[in-house]
N, C-alpha and C. Protein backbone atom coordinates (compact mmCIF):
# COMPACT_ATOMS: atom_id res chain seq x y z
N MET A 1 10.73 -40.31 7.23
CA MET A 1 11.03 -38.85 7.18
C MET A 1 9.80 -38.20 6.67
N PRO A 2 9.41 -36.99 7.35
CA PRO A 2 8.32 -36.21 6.79
C PRO A 2 8.54 -35.71 5.44
N HIS A 3 7.47 -35.47 4.64
CA HIS A 3 7.63 -34.81 3.32
C HIS A 3 8.32 -33.49 3.51
N PRO A 4 9.14 -33.13 2.58
CA PRO A 4 9.98 -31.91 2.80
C PRO A 4 9.19 -30.68 2.96
N LEU A 5 7.95 -30.63 2.43
CA LEU A 5 7.10 -29.40 2.65
C LEU A 5 6.35 -29.44 3.97
N LEU A 6 6.64 -30.60 4.73
CA LEU A 6 6.12 -30.66 6.06
C LEU A 6 7.07 -30.57 7.08
N ALA A 7 8.32 -30.21 6.81
CA ALA A 7 9.47 -30.24 7.62
C ALA A 7 9.41 -29.07 8.70
N ARG A 8 8.74 -28.06 8.36
CA ARG A 8 8.64 -26.85 9.26
C ARG A 8 7.37 -26.93 10.08
N ARG A 9 7.64 -26.62 11.43
CA ARG A 9 6.40 -26.59 12.27
C ARG A 9 5.86 -25.17 12.22
N GLY A 10 4.58 -25.09 12.54
CA GLY A 10 3.90 -23.74 12.57
C GLY A 10 2.49 -23.73 12.20
N LEU A 11 2.14 -22.53 11.58
CA LEU A 11 0.70 -22.29 11.11
C LEU A 11 0.36 -22.96 9.85
N TYR A 12 -0.73 -23.73 9.88
CA TYR A 12 -1.34 -24.32 8.73
C TYR A 12 -2.63 -23.50 8.52
N ALA A 13 -2.50 -22.55 7.56
CA ALA A 13 -3.59 -21.60 7.23
C ALA A 13 -4.72 -22.25 6.30
N ILE A 14 -6.00 -22.19 6.71
CA ILE A 14 -6.94 -22.83 5.85
C ILE A 14 -7.93 -21.70 5.47
N THR A 15 -8.11 -21.53 4.12
CA THR A 15 -8.92 -20.50 3.65
C THR A 15 -10.41 -20.53 4.04
N ASP A 16 -11.08 -19.44 3.96
CA ASP A 16 -12.54 -19.28 4.35
C ASP A 16 -13.40 -18.83 3.30
N GLY A 17 -13.02 -19.07 2.04
CA GLY A 17 -13.80 -18.54 0.91
C GLY A 17 -15.23 -19.17 0.83
N PRO A 18 -15.99 -18.72 -0.07
CA PRO A 18 -15.57 -17.72 -1.16
C PRO A 18 -15.51 -16.27 -0.56
N ARG A 19 -14.46 -15.57 -0.95
CA ARG A 19 -14.32 -14.19 -0.65
C ARG A 19 -13.59 -13.47 -1.82
N ALA A 20 -13.92 -12.15 -2.07
CA ALA A 20 -13.34 -11.50 -3.20
C ALA A 20 -11.81 -11.24 -3.06
N ASP A 21 -11.38 -11.22 -1.81
CA ASP A 21 -9.98 -10.88 -1.63
C ASP A 21 -9.12 -12.17 -1.24
N LEU A 22 -9.58 -13.34 -1.66
CA LEU A 22 -8.95 -14.51 -1.31
C LEU A 22 -7.52 -14.58 -1.44
N VAL A 23 -7.00 -14.33 -2.68
CA VAL A 23 -5.66 -14.38 -2.96
C VAL A 23 -4.88 -13.49 -2.10
N ASP A 24 -5.30 -12.20 -2.00
CA ASP A 24 -4.62 -11.21 -1.25
C ASP A 24 -4.56 -11.66 0.24
N ALA A 25 -5.59 -12.24 0.75
CA ALA A 25 -5.69 -12.64 2.15
C ALA A 25 -4.74 -13.84 2.33
N ALA A 26 -4.69 -14.82 1.36
CA ALA A 26 -3.73 -15.90 1.43
C ALA A 26 -2.28 -15.40 1.39
N ASP A 27 -2.07 -14.46 0.59
CA ASP A 27 -0.65 -13.87 0.48
C ASP A 27 -0.29 -13.19 1.73
N ALA A 28 -1.19 -12.59 2.43
CA ALA A 28 -0.95 -11.95 3.75
C ALA A 28 -0.59 -12.99 4.75
N ALA A 29 -1.39 -14.11 4.75
CA ALA A 29 -1.08 -15.28 5.68
C ALA A 29 0.25 -15.80 5.51
N LEU A 30 0.64 -16.03 4.22
CA LEU A 30 2.00 -16.44 3.92
C LEU A 30 3.10 -15.51 4.34
N ALA A 31 2.86 -14.25 4.14
CA ALA A 31 3.84 -13.16 4.50
C ALA A 31 3.89 -13.16 5.97
N GLY A 32 2.95 -13.56 6.76
CA GLY A 32 2.95 -13.63 8.18
C GLY A 32 3.69 -14.82 8.66
N GLY A 33 4.04 -15.77 7.78
CA GLY A 33 4.77 -16.91 8.24
C GLY A 33 4.13 -18.27 8.00
N ALA A 34 2.92 -18.31 7.60
CA ALA A 34 2.29 -19.65 7.48
C ALA A 34 3.09 -20.61 6.69
N VAL A 35 3.22 -21.83 7.22
CA VAL A 35 4.15 -22.82 6.61
C VAL A 35 3.49 -23.87 5.64
N LEU A 36 2.11 -23.79 5.65
CA LEU A 36 1.31 -24.64 4.81
C LEU A 36 -0.02 -23.86 4.62
N LEU A 37 -0.62 -23.97 3.35
CA LEU A 37 -1.93 -23.35 3.02
C LEU A 37 -2.91 -24.34 2.44
N GLN A 38 -3.98 -24.43 3.05
CA GLN A 38 -5.14 -25.22 2.42
C GLN A 38 -6.18 -24.34 1.85
N TYR A 39 -6.62 -24.79 0.62
CA TYR A 39 -7.74 -24.20 -0.05
C TYR A 39 -9.02 -24.92 0.34
N ARG A 40 -9.97 -24.25 0.98
CA ARG A 40 -11.17 -24.92 1.50
C ARG A 40 -12.37 -24.06 0.94
N ASP A 41 -13.12 -24.67 0.01
CA ASP A 41 -14.33 -23.97 -0.50
C ASP A 41 -15.34 -25.11 -0.79
N LYS A 42 -16.42 -25.13 -0.11
CA LYS A 42 -17.42 -26.18 -0.21
C LYS A 42 -18.51 -25.90 -1.25
N THR A 43 -18.30 -24.71 -2.00
CA THR A 43 -19.35 -24.35 -2.97
C THR A 43 -19.21 -25.30 -4.24
N ALA A 44 -20.19 -25.18 -5.10
CA ALA A 44 -20.27 -25.99 -6.44
C ALA A 44 -19.78 -25.18 -7.58
N ASP A 45 -19.20 -24.05 -7.44
CA ASP A 45 -18.80 -23.13 -8.54
C ASP A 45 -17.43 -23.66 -8.93
N ASP A 46 -17.42 -24.69 -9.82
CA ASP A 46 -16.20 -25.40 -10.20
C ASP A 46 -15.24 -24.44 -10.96
N ALA A 47 -15.69 -23.56 -11.82
CA ALA A 47 -14.84 -22.66 -12.61
C ALA A 47 -14.12 -21.69 -11.68
N ARG A 48 -14.86 -21.12 -10.71
CA ARG A 48 -14.22 -20.18 -9.80
C ARG A 48 -13.24 -20.87 -8.91
N ARG A 49 -13.58 -22.00 -8.46
CA ARG A 49 -12.69 -22.73 -7.48
C ARG A 49 -11.45 -23.19 -8.24
N ARG A 50 -11.55 -23.56 -9.50
CA ARG A 50 -10.31 -23.97 -10.25
C ARG A 50 -9.42 -22.73 -10.39
N ASP A 51 -10.04 -21.61 -10.77
CA ASP A 51 -9.16 -20.36 -10.98
C ASP A 51 -8.52 -19.92 -9.67
N GLU A 52 -9.24 -20.03 -8.54
CA GLU A 52 -8.72 -19.64 -7.28
C GLU A 52 -7.58 -20.60 -6.89
N ALA A 53 -7.88 -21.94 -7.01
CA ALA A 53 -6.89 -22.86 -6.69
C ALA A 53 -5.60 -22.72 -7.50
N GLN A 54 -5.82 -22.45 -8.83
CA GLN A 54 -4.53 -22.20 -9.67
C GLN A 54 -3.75 -20.99 -9.05
N ALA A 55 -4.50 -19.92 -8.74
CA ALA A 55 -3.78 -18.73 -8.25
C ALA A 55 -3.06 -18.99 -6.99
N LEU A 56 -3.72 -19.67 -6.13
CA LEU A 56 -3.12 -20.01 -4.83
C LEU A 56 -1.91 -20.99 -5.01
N ALA A 57 -2.05 -21.89 -5.86
CA ALA A 57 -0.95 -22.85 -6.15
C ALA A 57 0.31 -22.02 -6.61
N ARG A 58 0.09 -21.07 -7.52
CA ARG A 58 1.24 -20.28 -7.99
C ARG A 58 1.84 -19.46 -6.84
N LEU A 59 0.96 -18.84 -6.01
CA LEU A 59 1.44 -18.15 -4.87
C LEU A 59 2.26 -18.91 -3.93
N CYS A 60 1.73 -20.10 -3.56
CA CYS A 60 2.58 -20.94 -2.67
C CYS A 60 3.88 -21.47 -3.24
N ALA A 61 3.88 -21.79 -4.51
CA ALA A 61 5.09 -22.19 -5.25
C ALA A 61 6.11 -21.07 -5.23
N ALA A 62 5.68 -19.81 -5.38
CA ALA A 62 6.65 -18.78 -5.37
C ALA A 62 7.21 -18.55 -3.95
N ARG A 63 6.50 -18.92 -2.98
CA ARG A 63 7.00 -18.80 -1.52
C ARG A 63 7.58 -20.01 -1.01
N GLY A 64 7.52 -21.17 -1.76
CA GLY A 64 8.10 -22.39 -1.24
C GLY A 64 7.33 -23.06 -0.16
N VAL A 65 5.97 -22.79 -0.23
CA VAL A 65 5.06 -23.32 0.83
C VAL A 65 4.18 -24.40 0.21
N GLY A 66 3.90 -25.40 0.90
CA GLY A 66 3.16 -26.42 0.36
C GLY A 66 1.63 -25.94 0.18
N PHE A 67 1.00 -26.33 -0.96
CA PHE A 67 -0.45 -25.97 -1.13
C PHE A 67 -1.24 -27.19 -1.23
N ILE A 68 -2.29 -27.22 -0.33
CA ILE A 68 -3.16 -28.40 -0.11
C ILE A 68 -4.52 -28.00 -0.59
N VAL A 69 -5.26 -28.94 -1.20
CA VAL A 69 -6.67 -28.71 -1.58
C VAL A 69 -7.52 -29.53 -0.65
N ASN A 70 -8.51 -28.96 -0.11
CA ASN A 70 -9.46 -29.74 0.74
C ASN A 70 -10.38 -30.58 -0.04
N ASP A 71 -10.36 -31.88 0.24
CA ASP A 71 -11.38 -32.81 -0.16
C ASP A 71 -11.39 -33.24 -1.60
N ASP A 72 -10.85 -32.41 -2.53
CA ASP A 72 -11.05 -32.55 -4.03
C ASP A 72 -9.78 -33.00 -4.64
N VAL A 73 -9.64 -34.32 -4.83
CA VAL A 73 -8.42 -34.90 -5.44
C VAL A 73 -8.20 -34.40 -6.91
N ALA A 74 -9.29 -34.41 -7.68
CA ALA A 74 -9.24 -34.04 -9.03
C ALA A 74 -8.84 -32.51 -9.18
N LEU A 75 -9.28 -31.68 -8.34
CA LEU A 75 -8.97 -30.26 -8.40
C LEU A 75 -7.40 -30.12 -8.04
N ALA A 76 -7.00 -30.88 -6.99
CA ALA A 76 -5.62 -30.78 -6.55
C ALA A 76 -4.71 -31.27 -7.71
N HIS A 77 -5.09 -32.28 -8.40
CA HIS A 77 -4.27 -32.79 -9.58
C HIS A 77 -4.36 -31.64 -10.69
N ALA A 78 -5.51 -31.20 -10.95
CA ALA A 78 -5.63 -30.26 -12.10
C ALA A 78 -4.75 -29.00 -11.90
N VAL A 79 -4.62 -28.51 -10.72
CA VAL A 79 -3.85 -27.28 -10.50
C VAL A 79 -2.32 -27.53 -10.02
N GLY A 80 -1.98 -28.76 -9.98
CA GLY A 80 -0.62 -29.12 -9.49
C GLY A 80 -0.35 -28.87 -8.11
N ALA A 81 -1.23 -29.01 -7.22
CA ALA A 81 -1.20 -28.74 -5.86
C ALA A 81 -0.22 -29.66 -5.22
N ALA A 82 0.37 -29.40 -4.05
CA ALA A 82 1.28 -30.26 -3.41
C ALA A 82 0.60 -31.53 -2.89
N GLY A 83 -0.73 -31.34 -2.56
CA GLY A 83 -1.49 -32.53 -2.04
C GLY A 83 -2.80 -32.22 -1.77
N VAL A 84 -3.48 -33.10 -1.06
CA VAL A 84 -4.92 -33.06 -0.77
C VAL A 84 -5.20 -33.46 0.73
N HIS A 85 -6.18 -32.86 1.29
CA HIS A 85 -6.62 -33.25 2.69
C HIS A 85 -7.94 -33.91 2.51
N LEU A 86 -8.01 -35.26 3.18
CA LEU A 86 -9.17 -36.02 3.05
C LEU A 86 -9.87 -36.08 4.40
N GLY A 87 -11.11 -35.92 4.43
CA GLY A 87 -11.96 -36.28 5.60
C GLY A 87 -12.43 -37.68 5.52
N GLU A 88 -13.31 -38.12 6.43
CA GLU A 88 -13.61 -39.53 6.43
C GLU A 88 -14.59 -39.91 5.35
N ASP A 89 -15.19 -38.97 4.66
CA ASP A 89 -16.06 -39.19 3.51
C ASP A 89 -15.51 -38.86 2.11
N ASP A 90 -14.24 -38.67 2.06
CA ASP A 90 -13.57 -38.07 0.90
C ASP A 90 -12.68 -39.12 0.10
N GLY A 91 -12.86 -40.36 0.28
CA GLY A 91 -12.09 -41.23 -0.38
C GLY A 91 -10.91 -41.73 0.38
N ASP A 92 -10.15 -42.68 -0.19
CA ASP A 92 -9.03 -43.27 0.63
C ASP A 92 -7.72 -42.82 0.13
N VAL A 93 -6.73 -43.02 0.99
CA VAL A 93 -5.40 -42.63 0.77
C VAL A 93 -4.82 -43.12 -0.53
N ALA A 94 -5.02 -44.43 -0.67
CA ALA A 94 -4.44 -45.13 -1.86
C ALA A 94 -4.99 -44.63 -3.21
N ALA A 95 -6.36 -44.30 -3.19
CA ALA A 95 -6.89 -43.77 -4.41
C ALA A 95 -6.36 -42.38 -4.72
N ALA A 96 -6.23 -41.58 -3.62
CA ALA A 96 -5.62 -40.16 -3.84
C ALA A 96 -4.15 -40.28 -4.30
N ARG A 97 -3.51 -41.22 -3.76
CA ARG A 97 -2.03 -41.43 -4.15
C ARG A 97 -1.92 -41.91 -5.59
N ALA A 98 -2.91 -42.66 -6.07
CA ALA A 98 -2.80 -43.20 -7.41
C ALA A 98 -2.91 -42.02 -8.43
N VAL A 99 -3.82 -40.97 -7.91
CA VAL A 99 -3.99 -39.82 -8.88
C VAL A 99 -2.83 -38.88 -8.76
N LEU A 100 -2.44 -38.53 -7.61
CA LEU A 100 -1.52 -37.44 -7.37
C LEU A 100 -0.08 -37.79 -7.40
N GLY A 101 0.19 -39.10 -7.26
CA GLY A 101 1.69 -39.57 -7.34
C GLY A 101 2.32 -39.70 -6.02
N PRO A 102 3.43 -40.36 -6.14
CA PRO A 102 4.15 -40.67 -4.83
C PRO A 102 4.63 -39.59 -3.92
N SER A 103 4.85 -38.44 -4.66
CA SER A 103 5.48 -37.28 -3.92
C SER A 103 4.48 -36.31 -3.32
N ALA A 104 3.16 -36.67 -3.60
CA ALA A 104 2.09 -35.80 -3.04
C ALA A 104 1.91 -35.99 -1.55
N ILE A 105 1.46 -34.81 -0.99
CA ILE A 105 1.07 -34.88 0.45
C ILE A 105 -0.34 -35.26 0.55
N ILE A 106 -0.57 -36.30 1.35
CA ILE A 106 -1.93 -36.84 1.59
C ILE A 106 -2.16 -36.65 3.11
N GLY A 107 -2.98 -35.68 3.52
CA GLY A 107 -3.29 -35.44 4.82
C GLY A 107 -4.69 -35.92 5.17
N VAL A 108 -4.92 -36.38 6.46
CA VAL A 108 -6.19 -36.97 6.74
C VAL A 108 -6.73 -36.45 8.06
N SER A 109 -8.08 -36.37 8.15
CA SER A 109 -8.72 -35.99 9.35
C SER A 109 -8.96 -37.24 10.20
N CYS A 110 -8.41 -37.23 11.48
CA CYS A 110 -8.64 -38.38 12.33
C CYS A 110 -9.53 -37.99 13.58
N TYR A 111 -10.00 -36.81 13.73
CA TYR A 111 -10.95 -36.38 14.68
C TYR A 111 -10.45 -36.70 15.99
N ASP A 112 -11.10 -37.63 16.74
CA ASP A 112 -10.76 -38.00 18.05
C ASP A 112 -10.27 -39.46 18.24
N ALA A 113 -9.85 -40.14 16.99
CA ALA A 113 -9.63 -41.50 16.87
C ALA A 113 -8.22 -41.85 16.66
N ILE A 114 -7.44 -42.40 17.66
CA ILE A 114 -6.07 -42.74 17.32
C ILE A 114 -6.04 -43.98 16.47
N ASP A 115 -7.09 -44.95 16.55
CA ASP A 115 -7.03 -46.08 15.69
C ASP A 115 -7.14 -45.80 14.25
N ARG A 116 -8.01 -44.82 13.90
CA ARG A 116 -8.10 -44.26 12.62
C ARG A 116 -6.81 -43.74 12.13
N ALA A 117 -6.17 -42.94 12.87
CA ALA A 117 -4.82 -42.32 12.61
C ALA A 117 -3.81 -43.50 12.27
N ARG A 118 -3.82 -44.47 13.13
CA ARG A 118 -2.89 -45.60 12.87
C ARG A 118 -3.12 -46.24 11.54
N GLY A 119 -4.39 -46.54 11.21
CA GLY A 119 -4.72 -47.24 9.97
C GLY A 119 -4.33 -46.32 8.80
N LEU A 120 -4.59 -45.12 8.84
CA LEU A 120 -4.32 -44.24 7.62
C LEU A 120 -2.89 -44.00 7.53
N VAL A 121 -2.15 -43.95 8.57
CA VAL A 121 -0.64 -43.73 8.43
C VAL A 121 -0.03 -45.08 7.85
N ALA A 122 -0.57 -46.21 8.21
CA ALA A 122 -0.18 -47.49 7.61
C ALA A 122 -0.56 -47.50 6.11
N ALA A 123 -1.54 -46.83 5.77
CA ALA A 123 -2.05 -46.73 4.30
C ALA A 123 -1.28 -45.71 3.57
N GLY A 124 -0.41 -44.90 4.17
CA GLY A 124 0.41 -43.90 3.52
C GLY A 124 0.10 -42.48 3.77
N ALA A 125 -0.67 -42.15 4.74
CA ALA A 125 -0.90 -40.71 4.97
C ALA A 125 0.34 -40.02 5.45
N ASP A 126 0.49 -38.84 5.05
CA ASP A 126 1.72 -38.01 5.34
C ASP A 126 1.58 -37.17 6.60
N TYR A 127 0.38 -36.84 6.99
CA TYR A 127 0.10 -36.19 8.23
C TYR A 127 -1.27 -36.57 8.77
N VAL A 128 -1.47 -36.42 10.07
CA VAL A 128 -2.69 -36.72 10.73
C VAL A 128 -3.25 -35.45 11.38
N ALA A 129 -4.53 -35.19 11.30
CA ALA A 129 -5.15 -33.94 11.88
C ALA A 129 -6.16 -34.45 12.99
N PHE A 130 -5.99 -33.93 14.10
CA PHE A 130 -6.99 -34.26 15.22
C PHE A 130 -7.75 -33.05 15.62
N GLY A 131 -8.95 -33.18 16.01
CA GLY A 131 -9.71 -32.08 16.48
C GLY A 131 -11.24 -32.38 16.35
N ALA A 132 -12.07 -31.51 16.85
CA ALA A 132 -11.72 -30.20 17.35
C ALA A 132 -11.31 -30.16 18.74
N PHE A 133 -10.32 -29.27 19.01
CA PHE A 133 -9.79 -29.18 20.41
C PHE A 133 -10.55 -28.09 21.21
N TYR A 134 -11.19 -27.07 20.52
CA TYR A 134 -11.96 -26.15 21.14
C TYR A 134 -13.27 -25.91 20.39
N PRO A 135 -14.26 -25.30 20.89
CA PRO A 135 -15.52 -24.97 20.10
C PRO A 135 -15.09 -24.27 18.82
N SER A 136 -15.68 -24.67 17.73
CA SER A 136 -15.41 -24.18 16.34
C SER A 136 -16.61 -23.59 15.68
N ALA A 137 -16.58 -22.40 15.26
CA ALA A 137 -17.65 -21.83 14.46
C ALA A 137 -17.81 -22.48 13.21
N THR A 138 -16.75 -22.97 12.60
CA THR A 138 -16.76 -23.65 11.24
C THR A 138 -17.51 -24.98 11.38
N LYS A 139 -17.26 -25.70 12.45
CA LYS A 139 -17.87 -26.99 12.65
C LYS A 139 -18.39 -27.12 14.11
N PRO A 140 -19.52 -26.47 14.37
CA PRO A 140 -19.91 -26.39 15.89
C PRO A 140 -20.30 -27.74 16.40
N HIS A 141 -20.50 -28.71 15.64
CA HIS A 141 -20.94 -30.03 16.26
C HIS A 141 -19.77 -31.02 16.08
N ALA A 142 -18.55 -30.58 15.84
CA ALA A 142 -17.46 -31.46 15.67
C ALA A 142 -17.14 -32.31 16.87
N ARG A 143 -16.67 -33.48 16.68
CA ARG A 143 -16.16 -34.33 17.82
C ARG A 143 -14.96 -33.54 18.53
N ARG A 144 -14.72 -33.80 19.67
CA ARG A 144 -13.74 -33.07 20.50
C ARG A 144 -12.53 -34.13 20.70
N ALA A 145 -11.37 -33.48 20.66
CA ALA A 145 -10.16 -34.30 20.78
C ALA A 145 -9.40 -33.70 22.03
N THR A 146 -8.42 -34.51 22.60
CA THR A 146 -7.71 -34.06 23.81
C THR A 146 -6.25 -33.99 23.46
N THR A 147 -5.45 -33.18 24.36
CA THR A 147 -4.08 -33.17 24.20
C THR A 147 -3.32 -34.57 24.38
N ALA A 148 -4.02 -35.42 25.18
CA ALA A 148 -3.45 -36.76 25.31
C ALA A 148 -3.34 -37.43 24.01
N LEU A 149 -4.36 -37.21 23.14
CA LEU A 149 -4.38 -37.82 21.80
C LEU A 149 -3.16 -37.30 20.92
N LEU A 150 -2.81 -36.06 21.05
CA LEU A 150 -1.57 -35.59 20.33
C LEU A 150 -0.32 -36.24 20.93
N ARG A 151 -0.24 -36.44 22.20
CA ARG A 151 1.00 -37.03 22.74
C ARG A 151 1.01 -38.59 22.30
N GLU A 152 -0.11 -39.25 22.34
CA GLU A 152 -0.16 -40.63 21.92
C GLU A 152 0.29 -40.83 20.45
N ALA A 153 -0.20 -39.84 19.63
CA ALA A 153 0.16 -39.91 18.20
C ALA A 153 1.55 -39.67 17.81
N ALA A 154 2.46 -39.25 18.75
CA ALA A 154 3.80 -39.11 18.47
C ALA A 154 4.47 -40.32 17.95
N ALA A 155 3.93 -41.52 18.43
CA ALA A 155 4.47 -42.83 18.07
C ALA A 155 4.22 -43.15 16.49
N LEU A 156 3.32 -42.42 15.88
CA LEU A 156 2.93 -42.67 14.42
C LEU A 156 4.07 -42.18 13.54
N GLY A 157 4.93 -41.22 14.02
CA GLY A 157 5.99 -40.93 13.14
C GLY A 157 5.74 -39.84 12.06
N VAL A 158 4.52 -39.29 12.04
CA VAL A 158 4.24 -38.32 10.99
C VAL A 158 3.84 -37.11 11.70
N PRO A 159 3.79 -35.94 11.01
CA PRO A 159 3.46 -34.66 11.64
C PRO A 159 2.00 -34.75 12.15
N ARG A 160 1.84 -34.01 13.27
CA ARG A 160 0.50 -34.06 13.90
C ARG A 160 -0.04 -32.63 13.83
N VAL A 161 -1.29 -32.52 13.32
CA VAL A 161 -1.98 -31.32 13.10
C VAL A 161 -3.15 -31.16 14.16
N ALA A 162 -3.24 -30.02 14.76
CA ALA A 162 -4.29 -29.70 15.68
C ALA A 162 -5.26 -28.71 15.02
N ILE A 163 -6.57 -28.98 15.16
CA ILE A 163 -7.55 -28.07 14.49
C ILE A 163 -8.74 -27.92 15.36
N GLY A 164 -9.49 -26.75 15.15
CA GLY A 164 -10.79 -26.61 15.88
C GLY A 164 -10.70 -25.46 16.88
N GLY A 165 -11.15 -24.37 16.53
CA GLY A 165 -11.31 -23.23 17.41
C GLY A 165 -9.98 -22.73 18.07
N ILE A 166 -8.93 -22.89 17.31
CA ILE A 166 -7.68 -22.51 17.89
C ILE A 166 -7.35 -20.96 17.59
N THR A 167 -6.96 -20.42 18.61
CA THR A 167 -6.48 -18.97 18.57
C THR A 167 -5.07 -18.83 19.16
N PRO A 168 -4.46 -17.63 18.97
CA PRO A 168 -3.08 -17.48 19.55
C PRO A 168 -3.02 -17.67 21.07
N ASP A 169 -4.23 -17.33 21.73
CA ASP A 169 -4.22 -17.50 23.15
C ASP A 169 -4.47 -18.88 23.71
N ASN A 170 -4.98 -19.82 22.83
CA ASN A 170 -5.19 -21.17 23.38
C ASN A 170 -4.41 -22.24 22.72
N ALA A 171 -3.48 -21.78 21.81
CA ALA A 171 -2.71 -22.78 21.07
C ALA A 171 -1.57 -23.40 21.74
N ARG A 172 -1.06 -22.78 22.79
CA ARG A 172 0.17 -23.14 23.49
C ARG A 172 0.03 -24.60 24.07
N PRO A 173 -1.04 -25.10 24.71
CA PRO A 173 -1.13 -26.43 25.23
C PRO A 173 -1.07 -27.45 24.14
N LEU A 174 -1.49 -27.11 22.93
CA LEU A 174 -1.56 -27.99 21.85
C LEU A 174 -0.13 -28.27 21.28
N ILE A 175 0.57 -27.19 21.21
CA ILE A 175 1.95 -27.13 20.81
C ILE A 175 2.81 -27.83 21.79
N ASP A 176 2.63 -27.63 23.10
CA ASP A 176 3.40 -28.32 24.03
C ASP A 176 3.10 -29.81 24.10
N ALA A 177 1.89 -30.12 23.68
CA ALA A 177 1.48 -31.58 23.61
C ALA A 177 2.04 -32.27 22.37
N GLY A 178 2.65 -31.55 21.48
CA GLY A 178 3.28 -32.10 20.24
C GLY A 178 2.80 -31.84 18.93
N ALA A 179 1.81 -30.82 18.85
CA ALA A 179 1.20 -30.43 17.60
C ALA A 179 2.45 -29.81 16.80
N ASP A 180 2.56 -30.41 15.62
CA ASP A 180 3.65 -29.75 14.67
C ASP A 180 3.01 -28.59 13.95
N LEU A 181 1.71 -28.71 13.69
CA LEU A 181 1.04 -27.63 13.00
C LEU A 181 -0.31 -27.34 13.58
N VAL A 182 -0.61 -26.02 13.69
CA VAL A 182 -1.95 -25.68 14.10
C VAL A 182 -2.75 -25.15 12.96
N ALA A 183 -3.91 -25.84 12.69
CA ALA A 183 -4.64 -25.50 11.48
C ALA A 183 -5.79 -24.47 11.94
N VAL A 184 -5.75 -23.42 11.23
CA VAL A 184 -6.60 -22.29 11.61
C VAL A 184 -7.30 -21.62 10.45
N ILE A 185 -8.62 -21.43 10.60
CA ILE A 185 -9.39 -20.70 9.61
C ILE A 185 -9.72 -19.35 10.12
N THR A 186 -10.73 -19.28 11.15
CA THR A 186 -11.21 -17.95 11.47
C THR A 186 -10.26 -17.06 12.16
N ALA A 187 -9.45 -17.57 13.03
CA ALA A 187 -8.49 -16.60 13.86
C ALA A 187 -7.43 -16.05 12.89
N VAL A 188 -7.27 -16.54 11.63
CA VAL A 188 -6.38 -15.95 10.64
C VAL A 188 -7.17 -15.15 9.61
N PHE A 189 -8.02 -15.85 8.87
CA PHE A 189 -8.78 -15.19 7.78
C PHE A 189 -9.91 -14.32 8.24
N GLY A 190 -10.31 -14.45 9.41
CA GLY A 190 -11.35 -13.60 9.98
C GLY A 190 -10.74 -12.39 10.74
N ALA A 191 -9.42 -12.30 10.80
CA ALA A 191 -8.73 -11.17 11.46
C ALA A 191 -8.76 -9.92 10.67
N ARG A 192 -8.86 -8.75 11.31
CA ARG A 192 -8.73 -7.58 10.55
C ARG A 192 -7.36 -7.41 9.87
N ASP A 193 -6.28 -7.94 10.40
CA ASP A 193 -5.01 -7.87 9.86
C ASP A 193 -4.50 -9.32 9.77
N VAL A 194 -4.69 -9.95 8.58
CA VAL A 194 -4.34 -11.35 8.39
C VAL A 194 -2.91 -11.58 8.64
N ARG A 195 -2.07 -10.79 8.14
CA ARG A 195 -0.60 -10.96 8.21
C ARG A 195 -0.22 -10.96 9.68
N ALA A 196 -0.71 -9.96 10.47
CA ALA A 196 -0.38 -9.93 11.82
C ALA A 196 -0.84 -11.15 12.60
N ALA A 197 -1.97 -11.65 12.27
CA ALA A 197 -2.57 -12.80 12.96
C ALA A 197 -1.74 -13.99 12.62
N ALA A 198 -1.32 -14.17 11.37
CA ALA A 198 -0.37 -15.28 11.08
C ALA A 198 0.84 -15.30 11.77
N LYS A 199 1.48 -13.94 11.83
CA LYS A 199 2.70 -13.83 12.48
C LYS A 199 2.60 -14.22 13.97
N ARG A 200 1.50 -13.83 14.54
CA ARG A 200 1.35 -14.17 16.00
C ARG A 200 1.34 -15.64 16.20
N PHE A 201 0.66 -16.36 15.36
CA PHE A 201 0.57 -17.88 15.49
C PHE A 201 2.05 -18.35 15.28
N GLN A 202 2.65 -18.04 14.23
CA GLN A 202 3.95 -18.52 13.89
C GLN A 202 5.05 -18.28 14.90
N SER A 203 4.80 -17.09 15.68
CA SER A 203 5.83 -16.85 16.74
C SER A 203 5.73 -17.83 17.86
N LEU A 204 4.58 -18.48 18.02
CA LEU A 204 4.45 -19.46 19.04
C LEU A 204 5.35 -20.76 18.91
N PHE A 205 5.90 -20.84 17.66
CA PHE A 205 6.74 -22.02 17.39
C PHE A 205 8.22 -21.69 17.39
N THR A 206 8.58 -20.43 17.75
CA THR A 206 10.00 -20.06 17.64
C THR A 206 10.49 -19.78 19.12
C-alpha cells in the first residue's frame, strides 16, 4: 500500500528558491490543489534553508499535504518533514530510513532506468521519479525518459512520478501512461498566478 500521504494523484509542486515570497508562493500552490510539496534549494545558506523548511513544514501540516525535502536527510529530520527525495548522489534509502524512521516517505530519482527503480523499490523506496520527459530549463542536460518507462514501472507497485519540462499542455500523455504525480517547478512557481497554475495541473487528474 502507498504511504497515506501519497494516496492522492496530482501535482507534486517543487519550489524554485531562493525567493523572497517562497512561503506565499508555496501556499498558493497548495491552495491550487498540489498534493505534495518539495523544498528544493541548492544554496549553502543553512540558516535560511532551515527557517524556510520549517515554515513550509508547518504550512503543509496545516493543509494535510506531505512535505518533502530535496537531497538533505538531516534537514528533513530537523524540521519534521514527511520525507526526503534522493538523487543518485544523495545517499541510499536504508541510510535515510535509519534517520527519518519507518513512516517517512523516501522518494528516489530513477531518470531513465527501470533497473535502478526496481532496485530502489526493493530497498524500500516509497515512490520512483522518472525524467526528464521534456526539455527542462532546470536541468537542460538531463537524461530523457519515455512514456513506455512509466507503463513498465506499474509493476513496481509504488507511485510513479514524472518530471522534466512538464506543463499543463504536455502532461496528459504522462498521466495517461500511468504517472500518479507530475513534478513541476517552473510551470507552477514561474507562473504569474501560482494558484491558477497549480489548479490547472490538478484538474488534469479529475
